[in-house]
All heavy atoms as atom14 arrays in JSON, in Angstrom:
{
  "sequence": "GFMAELARRAADAFGAGDAETLDAALRGARDFLKEHLLVW",
  "atom14_mask": [
    [1, 1, 1, 1, 0, 0, 0, 0, 0, 0, 0, 0, 0, 0],
    [1, 1, 1, 1, 1, 1, 1, 1, 1, 1, 1, 0, 0, 0],
    [1, 1, 1, 1, 1, 1, 1, 1, 0, 0, 0, 0, 0, 0],
    [1, 1, 1, 1, 1, 0, 0, 0, 0, 0, 0, 0, 0, 0],
    [1, 1, 1, 1, 1, 1, 1, 1, 1, 0, 0, 0, 0, 0],
    [1, 1, 1, 1, 1, 1, 1, 1, 0, 0, 0, 0, 0, 0],
    [1, 1, 1, 1, 1, 0, 0, 0, 0, 0, 0, 0, 0, 0],
    [1, 1, 1, 1, 1, 1, 1, 1, 1, 1, 1, 0, 0, 0],
    [1, 1, 1, 1, 1, 1, 1, 1, 1, 1, 1, 0, 0, 0],
    [1, 1, 1, 1, 1, 0, 0, 0, 0, 0, 0, 0, 0, 0],
    [1, 1, 1, 1, 1, 0, 0, 0, 0, 0, 0, 0, 0, 0],
    [1, 1, 1, 1, 1, 1, 1, 1, 0, 0, 0, 0, 0, 0],
    [1, 1, 1, 1, 1, 0, 0, 0, 0, 0, 0, 0, 0, 0],
    [1, 1, 1, 1, 1, 1, 1, 1, 1, 1, 1, 0, 0, 0],
    [1, 1, 1, 1, 0, 0, 0, 0, 0, 0, 0, 0, 0, 0],
    [1, 1, 1, 1, 1, 0, 0, 0, 0, 0, 0, 0, 0, 0],
    [1, 1, 1, 1, 0, 0, 0, 0, 0, 0, 0, 0, 0, 0],
    [1, 1, 1, 1, 1, 1, 1, 1, 0, 0, 0, 0, 0, 0],
    [1, 1, 1, 1, 1, 0, 0, 0, 0, 0, 0, 0, 0, 0],
    [1, 1, 1, 1, 1, 1, 1, 1, 1, 0, 0, 0, 0, 0],
    [1, 1, 1, 1, 1, 1, 1, 0, 0, 0, 0, 0, 0, 0],
    [1, 1, 1, 1, 1, 1, 1, 1, 0, 0, 0, 0, 0, 0],
    [1, 1, 1, 1, 1, 1, 1, 1, 0, 0, 0, 0, 0, 0],
    [1, 1, 1, 1, 1, 0, 0, 0, 0, 0, 0, 0, 0, 0],
    [1, 1, 1, 1, 1, 0, 0, 0, 0, 0, 0, 0, 0, 0],
    [1, 1, 1, 1, 1, 1, 1, 1, 0, 0, 0, 0, 0, 0],
    [1, 1, 1, 1, 1, 1, 1, 1, 1, 1, 1, 0, 0, 0],
    [1, 1, 1, 1, 0, 0, 0, 0, 0, 0, 0, 0, 0, 0],
    [1, 1, 1, 1, 1, 0, 0, 0, 0, 0, 0, 0, 0, 0],
    [1, 1, 1, 1, 1, 1, 1, 1, 1, 1, 1, 0, 0, 0],
    [1, 1, 1, 1, 1, 1, 1, 1, 0, 0, 0, 0, 0, 0],
    [1, 1, 1, 1, 1, 1, 1, 1, 1, 1, 1, 0, 0, 0],
    [1, 1, 1, 1, 1, 1, 1, 1, 0, 0, 0, 0, 0, 0],
    [1, 1, 1, 1, 1, 1, 1, 1, 1, 0, 0, 0, 0, 0],
    [1, 1, 1, 1, 1, 1, 1, 1, 1, 0, 0, 0, 0, 0],
    [1, 1, 1, 1, 1, 1, 1, 1, 1, 1, 0, 0, 0, 0],
    [1, 1, 1, 1, 1, 1, 1, 1, 0, 0, 0, 0, 0, 0],
    [1, 1, 1, 1, 1, 1, 1, 1, 0, 0, 0, 0, 0, 0],
    [1, 1, 1, 1, 1, 1, 1, 0, 0, 0, 0, 0, 0, 0],
    [1, 1, 1, 1, 1, 1, 1, 1, 1, 1, 1, 1, 1, 1]
  ],
  "atom14_positions": [
    [[48.03, 4.59, -7.09], [47.9, 6.03, -7.04], [48.76, 6.64, -5.93], [49.34, 7.72, -6.11], [0.0, 0.0, 0.0], [0.0, 0.0, 0.0], [0.0, 0.0, 0.0], [0.0, 0.0, 0.0], [0.0, 0.0, 0.0], [0.0, 0.0, 0.0], [0.0, 0.0, 0.0], [0.0, 0.0, 0.0], [0.0, 0.0, 0.0], [0.0, 0.0, 0.0]],
    [[48.84, 5.96, -4.81], [49.72, 6.39, -3.71], [51.18, 6.38, -4.15], [51.93, 7.34, -3.92], [49.51, 5.47, -2.52], [50.43, 5.73, -1.36], [50.43, 6.96, -0.72], [51.28, 4.74, -0.9], [51.28, 7.21, 0.36], [52.12, 4.97, 0.18], [52.13, 6.2, 0.82], [0.0, 0.0, 0.0], [0.0, 0.0, 0.0], [0.0, 0.0, 0.0]],
    [[51.59, 5.3, -4.82], [52.97, 5.23, -5.31], [53.23, 6.3, -6.36], [54.34, 6.87, -6.41], [53.23, 3.85, -5.89], [53.28, 2.72, -4.86], [54.66, 2.86, -3.71], [56.04, 2.45, -4.81], [0.0, 0.0, 0.0], [0.0, 0.0, 0.0], [0.0, 0.0, 0.0], [0.0, 0.0, 0.0], [0.0, 0.0, 0.0], [0.0, 0.0, 0.0]],
    [[52.23, 6.6, -7.18], [52.39, 7.66, -8.19], [52.58, 9.01, -7.52], [53.4, 9.83, -7.95], [51.17, 7.69, -9.11], [0.0, 0.0, 0.0], [0.0, 0.0, 0.0], [0.0, 0.0, 0.0], [0.0, 0.0, 0.0], [0.0, 0.0, 0.0], [0.0, 0.0, 0.0], [0.0, 0.0, 0.0], [0.0, 0.0, 0.0], [0.0, 0.0, 0.0]],
    [[51.84, 9.27, -6.43], [52.0, 10.53, -5.71], [53.38, 10.63, -5.07], [54.02, 11.69, -5.11], [50.9, 10.66, -4.66], [51.04, 11.85, -3.73], [51.02, 13.21, -4.42], [50.57, 13.28, -5.58], [51.48, 14.2, -3.82], [0.0, 0.0, 0.0], [0.0, 0.0, 0.0], [0.0, 0.0, 0.0], [0.0, 0.0, 0.0], [0.0, 0.0, 0.0]],
    [[53.85, 9.54, -4.48], [55.2, 9.56, -3.89], [56.26, 9.75, -4.98], [57.26, 10.46, -4.76], [55.47, 8.26, -3.13], [54.65, 8.03, -1.86], [55.13, 6.76, -1.16], [54.73, 9.21, -0.91], [0.0, 0.0, 0.0], [0.0, 0.0, 0.0], [0.0, 0.0, 0.0], [0.0, 0.0, 0.0], [0.0, 0.0, 0.0], [0.0, 0.0, 0.0]],
    [[56.05, 9.14, -6.14], [57.0, 9.31, -7.24], [57.0, 10.75, -7.73], [58.06, 11.3, -8.06], [56.64, 8.35, -8.39], [0.0, 0.0, 0.0], [0.0, 0.0, 0.0], [0.0, 0.0, 0.0], [0.0, 0.0, 0.0], [0.0, 0.0, 0.0], [0.0, 0.0, 0.0], [0.0, 0.0, 0.0], [0.0, 0.0, 0.0], [0.0, 0.0, 0.0]],
    [[55.82, 11.37, -7.79], [55.74, 12.77, -8.2], [56.46, 13.66, -7.2], [57.22, 14.57, -7.57], [54.28, 13.21, -8.31], [54.1, 14.63, -8.82], [52.7, 15.17, -8.58], [52.39, 15.28, -7.16], [52.83, 16.29, -6.39], [53.6, 17.24, -6.89], [52.49, 16.33, -5.11], [0.0, 0.0, 0.0], [0.0, 0.0, 0.0], [0.0, 0.0, 0.0]],
    [[56.24, 13.39, -5.91], [56.9, 14.2, -4.89], [58.42, 14.06, -4.96], [59.16, 15.03, -4.77], [56.4, 13.8, -3.5], [54.95, 14.15, -3.24], [54.55, 13.85, -1.79], [53.12, 14.05, -1.59], [52.52, 14.0, -0.41], [53.24, 13.75, 0.69], [51.22, 14.18, -0.31], [0.0, 0.0, 0.0], [0.0, 0.0, 0.0], [0.0, 0.0, 0.0]],
    [[58.88, 12.83, -5.2], [60.32, 12.61, -5.29], [60.93, 13.37, -6.46], [61.97, 14.01, -6.33], [60.61, 11.12, -5.4], [0.0, 0.0, 0.0], [0.0, 0.0, 0.0], [0.0, 0.0, 0.0], [0.0, 0.0, 0.0], [0.0, 0.0, 0.0], [0.0, 0.0, 0.0], [0.0, 0.0, 0.0], [0.0, 0.0, 0.0], [0.0, 0.0, 0.0]],
    [[60.27, 13.28, -7.62], [60.79, 13.97, -8.8], [60.78, 15.48, -8.6], [61.75, 16.18, -8.94], [59.96, 13.59, -10.03], [0.0, 0.0, 0.0], [0.0, 0.0, 0.0], [0.0, 0.0, 0.0], [0.0, 0.0, 0.0], [0.0, 0.0, 0.0], [0.0, 0.0, 0.0], [0.0, 0.0, 0.0], [0.0, 0.0, 0.0], [0.0, 0.0, 0.0]],
    [[59.7, 16.01, -8.04], [59.61, 17.45, -7.81], [60.65, 17.9, -6.78], [61.26, 18.97, -6.93], [58.21, 17.83, -7.33], [57.16, 17.74, -8.43], [57.55, 17.55, -9.6], [55.96, 17.85, -8.11], [0.0, 0.0, 0.0], [0.0, 0.0, 0.0], [0.0, 0.0, 0.0], [0.0, 0.0, 0.0], [0.0, 0.0, 0.0], [0.0, 0.0, 0.0]],
    [[60.82, 17.11, -5.72], [61.76, 17.48, -4.67], [63.19, 17.48, -5.19], [64.01, 18.33, -4.8], [61.63, 16.51, -3.49], [0.0, 0.0, 0.0], [0.0, 0.0, 0.0], [0.0, 0.0, 0.0], [0.0, 0.0, 0.0], [0.0, 0.0, 0.0], [0.0, 0.0, 0.0], [0.0, 0.0, 0.0], [0.0, 0.0, 0.0], [0.0, 0.0, 0.0]],
    [[63.51, 16.52, -6.07], [64.85, 16.49, -6.65], [65.13, 17.77, -7.42], [66.18, 18.39, -7.27], [64.99, 15.27, -7.55], [66.38, 15.11, -8.14], [67.37, 14.47, -7.42], [66.68, 15.6, -9.4], [68.65, 14.32, -7.95], [67.94, 15.47, -9.94], [68.93, 14.81, -9.2], [0.0, 0.0, 0.0], [0.0, 0.0, 0.0], [0.0, 0.0, 0.0]],
    [[64.18, 18.18, -8.24], [64.36, 19.38, -9.03], [64.4, 20.65, -8.19], [65.06, 21.62, -8.56], [0.0, 0.0, 0.0], [0.0, 0.0, 0.0], [0.0, 0.0, 0.0], [0.0, 0.0, 0.0], [0.0, 0.0, 0.0], [0.0, 0.0, 0.0], [0.0, 0.0, 0.0], [0.0, 0.0, 0.0], [0.0, 0.0, 0.0], [0.0, 0.0, 0.0]],
    [[63.69, 20.63, -7.04], [63.62, 21.82, -6.2], [64.73, 21.87, -5.15], [64.82, 22.85, -4.4], [62.27, 21.87, -5.5], [0.0, 0.0, 0.0], [0.0, 0.0, 0.0], [0.0, 0.0, 0.0], [0.0, 0.0, 0.0], [0.0, 0.0, 0.0], [0.0, 0.0, 0.0], [0.0, 0.0, 0.0], [0.0, 0.0, 0.0], [0.0, 0.0, 0.0]],
    [[65.55, 20.84, -5.09], [66.62, 20.82, -4.09], [66.12, 20.55, -2.68], [66.76, 20.94, -1.7], [0.0, 0.0, 0.0], [0.0, 0.0, 0.0], [0.0, 0.0, 0.0], [0.0, 0.0, 0.0], [0.0, 0.0, 0.0], [0.0, 0.0, 0.0], [0.0, 0.0, 0.0], [0.0, 0.0, 0.0], [0.0, 0.0, 0.0], [0.0, 0.0, 0.0]],
    [[64.97, 19.86, -2.56], [64.36, 19.57, -1.26], [64.76, 18.16, -0.82], [64.06, 17.19, -1.08], [62.85, 19.71, -1.38], [62.12, 19.52, -0.05], [62.75, 19.08, 0.93], [60.91, 19.81, -0.01], [0.0, 0.0, 0.0], [0.0, 0.0, 0.0], [0.0, 0.0, 0.0], [0.0, 0.0, 0.0], [0.0, 0.0, 0.0], [0.0, 0.0, 0.0]],
    [[65.9, 18.05, -0.13], [66.45, 16.75, 0.23], [65.55, 15.99, 1.2], [65.42, 14.77, 1.12], [67.84, 16.93, 0.83], [0.0, 0.0, 0.0], [0.0, 0.0, 0.0], [0.0, 0.0, 0.0], [0.0, 0.0, 0.0], [0.0, 0.0, 0.0], [0.0, 0.0, 0.0], [0.0, 0.0, 0.0], [0.0, 0.0, 0.0], [0.0, 0.0, 0.0]],
    [[64.92, 16.7, 2.13], [64.09, 16.04, 3.14], [62.88, 15.37, 2.51], [62.57, 14.21, 2.8], [63.65, 17.05, 4.19], [62.83, 16.44, 5.32], [62.44, 17.45, 6.38], [62.89, 18.61, 6.3], [61.68, 17.07, 7.3], [0.0, 0.0, 0.0], [0.0, 0.0, 0.0], [0.0, 0.0, 0.0], [0.0, 0.0, 0.0], [0.0, 0.0, 0.0]],
    [[62.19, 16.09, 1.63], [61.02, 15.52, 0.95], [61.41, 14.38, 0.03], [60.72, 13.35, -0.06], [60.27, 16.6, 0.16], [59.82, 17.61, 1.06], [59.08, 16.03, -0.59], [0.0, 0.0, 0.0], [0.0, 0.0, 0.0], [0.0, 0.0, 0.0], [0.0, 0.0, 0.0], [0.0, 0.0, 0.0], [0.0, 0.0, 0.0], [0.0, 0.0, 0.0]],
    [[62.52, 14.54, -0.66], [63.02, 13.48, -1.56], [63.27, 12.2, -0.79], [62.81, 11.12, -1.17], [64.29, 13.94, -2.26], [65.03, 12.89, -3.1], [64.15, 12.39, -4.24], [66.33, 13.49, -3.65], [0.0, 0.0, 0.0], [0.0, 0.0, 0.0], [0.0, 0.0, 0.0], [0.0, 0.0, 0.0], [0.0, 0.0, 0.0], [0.0, 0.0, 0.0]],
    [[63.99, 12.3, 0.31], [64.33, 11.12, 1.1], [63.07, 10.46, 1.66], [62.92, 9.23, 1.61], [65.27, 11.51, 2.25], [65.78, 10.3, 3.02], [66.62, 9.55, 2.46], [65.35, 10.09, 4.17], [0.0, 0.0, 0.0], [0.0, 0.0, 0.0], [0.0, 0.0, 0.0], [0.0, 0.0, 0.0], [0.0, 0.0, 0.0], [0.0, 0.0, 0.0]],
    [[62.14, 11.26, 2.16], [60.91, 10.71, 2.72], [60.08, 9.99, 1.66], [59.53, 8.91, 1.91], [60.08, 11.83, 3.37], [0.0, 0.0, 0.0], [0.0, 0.0, 0.0], [0.0, 0.0, 0.0], [0.0, 0.0, 0.0], [0.0, 0.0, 0.0], [0.0, 0.0, 0.0], [0.0, 0.0, 0.0], [0.0, 0.0, 0.0], [0.0, 0.0, 0.0]],
    [[60.0, 10.58, 0.46], [59.21, 9.97, -0.61], [59.82, 8.65, -1.08], [59.11, 7.66, -1.31], [59.07, 10.93, -1.77], [0.0, 0.0, 0.0], [0.0, 0.0, 0.0], [0.0, 0.0, 0.0], [0.0, 0.0, 0.0], [0.0, 0.0, 0.0], [0.0, 0.0, 0.0], [0.0, 0.0, 0.0], [0.0, 0.0, 0.0], [0.0, 0.0, 0.0]],
    [[61.15, 8.62, -1.21], [61.81, 7.39, -1.65], [61.7, 6.29, -0.6], [61.42, 5.13, -0.93], [63.28, 7.67, -1.97], [63.56, 8.61, -3.15], [65.06, 8.82, -3.31], [62.98, 8.05, -4.44], [0.0, 0.0, 0.0], [0.0, 0.0, 0.0], [0.0, 0.0, 0.0], [0.0, 0.0, 0.0], [0.0, 0.0, 0.0], [0.0, 0.0, 0.0]],
    [[61.91, 6.64, 0.66], [61.81, 5.63, 1.72], [60.38, 5.15, 1.9], [60.13, 3.95, 2.13], [62.36, 6.19, 3.03], [63.87, 6.43, 3.01], [64.43, 6.9, 4.34], [65.83, 7.21, 4.2], [66.81, 6.3, 4.21], [66.5, 5.01, 4.39], [68.07, 6.66, 4.07], [0.0, 0.0, 0.0], [0.0, 0.0, 0.0], [0.0, 0.0, 0.0]],
    [[59.43, 6.08, 1.8], [58.03, 5.68, 1.91], [57.63, 4.73, 0.81], [56.92, 3.75, 1.04], [0.0, 0.0, 0.0], [0.0, 0.0, 0.0], [0.0, 0.0, 0.0], [0.0, 0.0, 0.0], [0.0, 0.0, 0.0], [0.0, 0.0, 0.0], [0.0, 0.0, 0.0], [0.0, 0.0, 0.0], [0.0, 0.0, 0.0], [0.0, 0.0, 0.0]],
    [[58.1, 4.98, -0.42], [57.79, 4.1, -1.55], [58.43, 2.73, -1.37], [57.79, 1.7, -1.6], [58.27, 4.74, -2.85], [0.0, 0.0, 0.0], [0.0, 0.0, 0.0], [0.0, 0.0, 0.0], [0.0, 0.0, 0.0], [0.0, 0.0, 0.0], [0.0, 0.0, 0.0], [0.0, 0.0, 0.0], [0.0, 0.0, 0.0], [0.0, 0.0, 0.0]],
    [[59.68, 2.72, -0.95], [60.36, 1.44, -0.75], [59.65, 0.61, 0.32], [59.43, -0.6, 0.14], [61.81, 1.68, -0.34], [62.61, 0.38, -0.17], [64.02, 0.65, 0.34], [63.99, 1.24, 1.68], [65.09, 1.56, 2.36], [66.29, 1.36, 1.82], [65.01, 2.08, 3.57], [0.0, 0.0, 0.0], [0.0, 0.0, 0.0], [0.0, 0.0, 0.0]],
    [[59.28, 1.24, 1.42], [58.61, 0.51, 2.5], [57.24, 0.0, 2.05], [56.84, -1.12, 2.41], [58.46, 1.41, 3.73], [59.8, 1.76, 4.37], [60.81, 1.07, 4.05], [59.84, 2.7, 5.18], [0.0, 0.0, 0.0], [0.0, 0.0, 0.0], [0.0, 0.0, 0.0], [0.0, 0.0, 0.0], [0.0, 0.0, 0.0], [0.0, 0.0, 0.0]],
    [[56.52, 0.82, 1.29], [55.19, 0.41, 0.85], [55.27, -0.77, -0.13], [54.43, -1.68, -0.08], [54.46, 1.59, 0.21], [52.99, 1.37, 0.06], [52.14, 1.48, 1.16], [52.42, 1.06, -1.16], [50.77, 1.28, 1.04], [51.06, 0.86, -1.3], [50.23, 0.97, -0.2], [0.0, 0.0, 0.0], [0.0, 0.0, 0.0], [0.0, 0.0, 0.0]],
    [[56.26, -0.76, -0.98], [56.47, -1.9, -1.87], [56.71, -3.17, -1.06], [56.08, -4.21, -1.29], [57.67, -1.65, -2.79], [57.45, -0.77, -4.01], [58.79, -0.54, -4.71], [56.45, -1.4, -4.97], [0.0, 0.0, 0.0], [0.0, 0.0, 0.0], [0.0, 0.0, 0.0], [0.0, 0.0, 0.0], [0.0, 0.0, 0.0], [0.0, 0.0, 0.0]],
    [[57.61, -3.09, -0.12], [58.0, -4.26, 0.67], [56.85, -4.79, 1.51], [56.63, -6.01, 1.57], [59.18, -3.9, 1.57], [59.61, -5.03, 2.5], [60.75, -4.59, 3.41], [61.15, -5.68, 4.38], [62.22, -5.24, 5.32], [0.0, 0.0, 0.0], [0.0, 0.0, 0.0], [0.0, 0.0, 0.0], [0.0, 0.0, 0.0], [0.0, 0.0, 0.0]],
    [[56.1, -3.89, 2.13], [55.09, -4.29, 3.09], [53.73, -4.56, 2.46], [52.88, -5.22, 3.09], [54.96, -3.22, 4.17], [56.23, -3.02, 4.98], [56.2, -1.76, 5.84], [55.12, -1.11, 5.9], [57.24, -1.42, 6.42], [0.0, 0.0, 0.0], [0.0, 0.0, 0.0], [0.0, 0.0, 0.0], [0.0, 0.0, 0.0], [0.0, 0.0, 0.0]],
    [[53.52, -4.08, 1.24], [52.19, -4.21, 0.65], [52.23, -4.72, -0.79], [51.95, -5.89, -1.04], [51.45, -2.87, 0.76], [51.2, -2.49, 2.18], [50.23, -3.08, 2.96], [51.82, -1.57, 2.98], [50.26, -2.56, 4.18], [51.2, -1.64, 4.22], [0.0, 0.0, 0.0], [0.0, 0.0, 0.0], [0.0, 0.0, 0.0], [0.0, 0.0, 0.0]],
    [[52.52, -3.89, -1.75], [52.36, -4.28, -3.15], [53.09, -5.55, -3.52], [52.54, -6.42, -4.21], [52.79, -3.13, -4.06], [51.76, -2.0, -4.22], [52.42, -0.75, -4.79], [50.59, -2.43, -5.09], [0.0, 0.0, 0.0], [0.0, 0.0, 0.0], [0.0, 0.0, 0.0], [0.0, 0.0, 0.0], [0.0, 0.0, 0.0], [0.0, 0.0, 0.0]],
    [[54.34, -5.7, -3.08], [55.1, -6.89, -3.46], [54.66, -8.14, -2.71], [55.04, -9.25, -3.06], [56.6, -6.66, -3.25], [57.24, -5.76, -4.31], [58.69, -5.45, -3.95], [57.17, -6.4, -5.68], [0.0, 0.0, 0.0], [0.0, 0.0, 0.0], [0.0, 0.0, 0.0], [0.0, 0.0, 0.0], [0.0, 0.0, 0.0], [0.0, 0.0, 0.0]],
    [[53.82, -7.96, -1.7], [53.28, -9.11, -0.97], [52.14, -9.74, -1.74], [52.0, -10.98, -1.77], [52.81, -8.67, 0.43], [52.11, -9.82, 1.16], [53.99, -8.17, 1.26], [0.0, 0.0, 0.0], [0.0, 0.0, 0.0], [0.0, 0.0, 0.0], [0.0, 0.0, 0.0], [0.0, 0.0, 0.0], [0.0, 0.0, 0.0], [0.0, 0.0, 0.0]],
    [[51.31, -8.9, -2.4], [50.09, -9.46, -2.96], [49.94, -9.36, -4.47], [49.21, -10.15, -5.06], [48.87, -8.85, -2.28], [48.55, -7.43, -2.63], [49.17, -6.31, -2.15], [47.52, -6.97, -3.5], [48.57, -5.18, -2.67], [47.56, -5.55, -3.49], [46.56, -7.61, -4.28], [46.68, -4.77, -4.25], [45.69, -6.84, -5.04], [45.75, -5.44, -5.02]]
  ]
}
């Protein structure tokens, strides 16, 4: 659900031209995958 929310934010930010939110959502998702979901 957390990853889904970050994915929603990224998609919305891309369409709205919000580069800061887009970058934060993509980096947050990548880090969460590496540190959590892909571990277990």
